[in-house]
Amino acid sequence: MSMTRGEIRHEPTNAATIPMLTVIAALIGGVRGVQRARALGGTRLDRVQYAGGYAIAFGLAGTIIGVCIARLFEL
């Protein structure tokens, strides 16, 4: 099979691992948020709020890193 100029051939890849990075980062962020709230002497609601905030922040960072990895390796 010959390729013409400008044609890009994509190999099938396992891109399902990229979304897992987001989930793992969000879970790590949630745990880190609880630890941070405990260290500051927060109540249970403080721990929940910190866990949510950190989970969102880490999940967003994981998504951005996943997109960068996917584009870098053309997944």
C-alpha atoms as a PDB file:
ATOM      1  CA  MET A   1       0.000   0.000   0.000  1.00  0.00           C
ATOM      2  CA  SER A   2       1.593   3.246  -1.107  1.00  0.00           C
ATOM      3  CA  MET A   3       1.009   6.557   0.603  1.00  0.00           C
ATOM      4  CA  THR A   4       0.549   9.778  -1.288  1.00  0.00           C
ATOM      5  CA  ARG A   5       2.115  13.054  -0.279  1.00  0.00           C
ATOM      6  CA  GLY A   6       0.431  14.588   2.770  1.00  0.00           C
ATOM      7  CA  GLU A   7      -1.384  11.392   3.720  1.00  0.00           C
ATOM      8  CA  ILE A   8      -1.192  10.373   7.359  1.00  0.00           C
ATOM      9  CA  ARG A   9      -1.554   6.722   8.255  1.00  0.00           C
ATOM     10  CA  HIS A  10      -2.856   6.067  11.746  1.00  0.00           C
ATOM     11  CA  GLU A  11      -2.095   2.825  13.488  1.00  0.00           C
ATOM     12  CA  PRO A  12      -4.717   1.501  15.895  1.00  0.00           C
ATOM     13  CA  THR A  13      -3.616   2.330  19.433  1.00  0.00           C
ATOM     14  CA  ASN A  14      -4.872   1.777  22.920  1.00  0.00           C
ATOM     15  CA  ALA A  15      -5.908   5.336  23.791  1.00  0.00           C
ATOM     16  CA  ALA A  16      -8.165   4.125  26.613  1.00  0.00           C
ATOM     17  CA  THR A  17      -5.353   4.647  29.111  1.00  0.00           C
ATOM     18  CA  ILE A  18      -5.472   8.447  28.759  1.00  0.00           C
ATOM     19  CA  PRO A  19      -8.880   8.921  30.489  1.00  0.00           C
ATOM     20  CA  MET A  20      -7.628   6.720  33.338  1.00  0.00           C
ATOM     21  CA  LEU A  21      -4.960   9.333  34.026  1.00  0.00           C
ATOM     22  CA  THR A  22      -7.700  11.859  34.778  1.00  0.00           C
ATOM     23  CA  VAL A  23      -9.515   9.508  37.155  1.00  0.00           C
ATOM     24  CA  ILE A  24      -6.343   8.524  38.977  1.00  0.00           C
ATOM     25  CA  ALA A  25      -5.271  12.167  39.307  1.00  0.00           C
ATOM     26  CA  ALA A  26      -8.702  13.133  40.673  1.00  0.00           C
ATOM     27  CA  LEU A  27      -8.583  10.335  43.258  1.00  0.00           C
ATOM     28  CA  ILE A  28      -5.091  11.334  44.336  1.00  0.00           C
ATOM     29  CA  GLY A  29      -6.268  14.950  44.566  1.00  0.00           C
ATOM     30  CA  GLY A  30      -9.214  13.976  46.755  1.00  0.00           C
ATOM     31  CA  VAL A  31      -6.997  12.070  49.151  1.00  0.00           C
ATOM     32  CA  ARG A  32      -4.497  14.915  49.216  1.00  0.00           C
ATOM     33  CA  GLY A  33      -7.301  17.387  49.937  1.00  0.00           C
ATOM     34  CA  VAL A  34      -8.493  15.379  52.942  1.00  0.00           C
ATOM     35  CA  GLN A  35      -4.937  15.177  54.247  1.00  0.00           C
ATOM     36  CA  ARG A  36      -4.486  18.929  53.845  1.00  0.00           C
ATOM     37  CA  ALA A  37      -7.752  19.745  55.646  1.00  0.00           C
ATOM     38  CA  ARG A  38      -6.826  17.408  58.506  1.00  0.00           C
ATOM     39  CA  ALA A  39      -3.436  19.067  58.823  1.00  0.00           C
ATOM     40  CA  LEU A  40      -5.150  22.441  59.123  1.00  0.00           C
ATOM     41  CA  GLY A  41      -7.510  21.094  61.796  1.00  0.00           C
ATOM     42  CA  GLY A  42     -10.649  21.253  59.652  1.00  0.00           C
ATOM     43  CA  THR A  43     -14.024  19.718  60.401  1.00  0.00           C
ATOM     44  CA  ARG A  44     -15.625  16.955  58.368  1.00  0.00           C
ATOM     45  CA  LEU A  45     -17.243  19.477  56.000  1.00  0.00           C
ATOM     46  CA  ASP A  46     -13.895  21.214  55.546  1.00  0.00           C
ATOM     47  CA  ARG A  47     -12.376  17.874  54.570  1.00  0.00           C
ATOM     48  CA  VAL A  48     -15.148  17.261  52.040  1.00  0.00           C
ATOM     49  CA  GLN A  49     -14.698  20.721  50.539  1.00  0.00           C
ATOM     50  CA  TYR A  50     -10.923  20.383  50.323  1.00  0.00           C
ATOM     51  CA  ALA A  51     -11.277  16.898  48.821  1.00  0.00           C
ATOM     52  CA  GLY A  52     -13.643  18.227  46.150  1.00  0.00           C
ATOM     53  CA  GLY A  53     -11.476  21.209  45.321  1.00  0.00           C
ATOM     54  CA  TYR A  54      -8.287  19.210  45.117  1.00  0.00           C
ATOM     55  CA  ALA A  55     -10.003  16.453  43.097  1.00  0.00           C
ATOM     56  CA  ILE A  56     -11.206  19.006  40.539  1.00  0.00           C
ATOM     57  CA  ALA A  57      -7.796  20.676  40.330  1.00  0.00           C
ATOM     58  CA  PHE A  58      -5.857  17.418  40.032  1.00  0.00           C
ATOM     59  CA  GLY A  59      -8.401  15.977  37.586  1.00  0.00           C
ATOM     60  CA  LEU A  60      -8.086  19.043  35.369  1.00  0.00           C
ATOM     61  CA  ALA A  61      -4.304  18.800  35.502  1.00  0.00           C
ATOM     62  CA  GLY A  62      -4.545  15.086  34.635  1.00  0.00           C
ATOM     63  CA  THR A  63      -6.775  15.882  31.671  1.00  0.00           C
ATOM     64  CA  ILE A  64      -4.358  18.495  30.348  1.00  0.00           C
ATOM     65  CA  ILE A  65      -1.410  16.138  30.787  1.00  0.00           C
ATOM     66  CA  GLY A  66      -3.375  13.352  29.067  1.00  0.00           C
ATOM     67  CA  VAL A  67      -4.139  15.569  26.075  1.00  0.00           C
ATOM     68  CA  CYS A  68      -0.478  16.582  25.846  1.00  0.00           C
ATOM     69  CA  ILE A  69       0.632  12.943  25.968  1.00  0.00           C
ATOM     70  CA  ALA A  70      -1.945  11.939  23.361  1.00  0.00           C
ATOM     71  CA  ARG A  71      -0.840  14.698  20.995  1.00  0.00           C
ATOM     72  CA  LEU A  72       2.841  14.081  21.630  1.00  0.00           C
ATOM     73  CA  PHE A  73       2.594  10.392  20.796  1.00  0.00           C
ATOM     74  CA  GLU A  74      -0.298  10.822  18.310  1.00  0.00           C
ATOM     75  CA  LEU A  75      -2.599   8.397  20.121  1.00  0.00           C
END
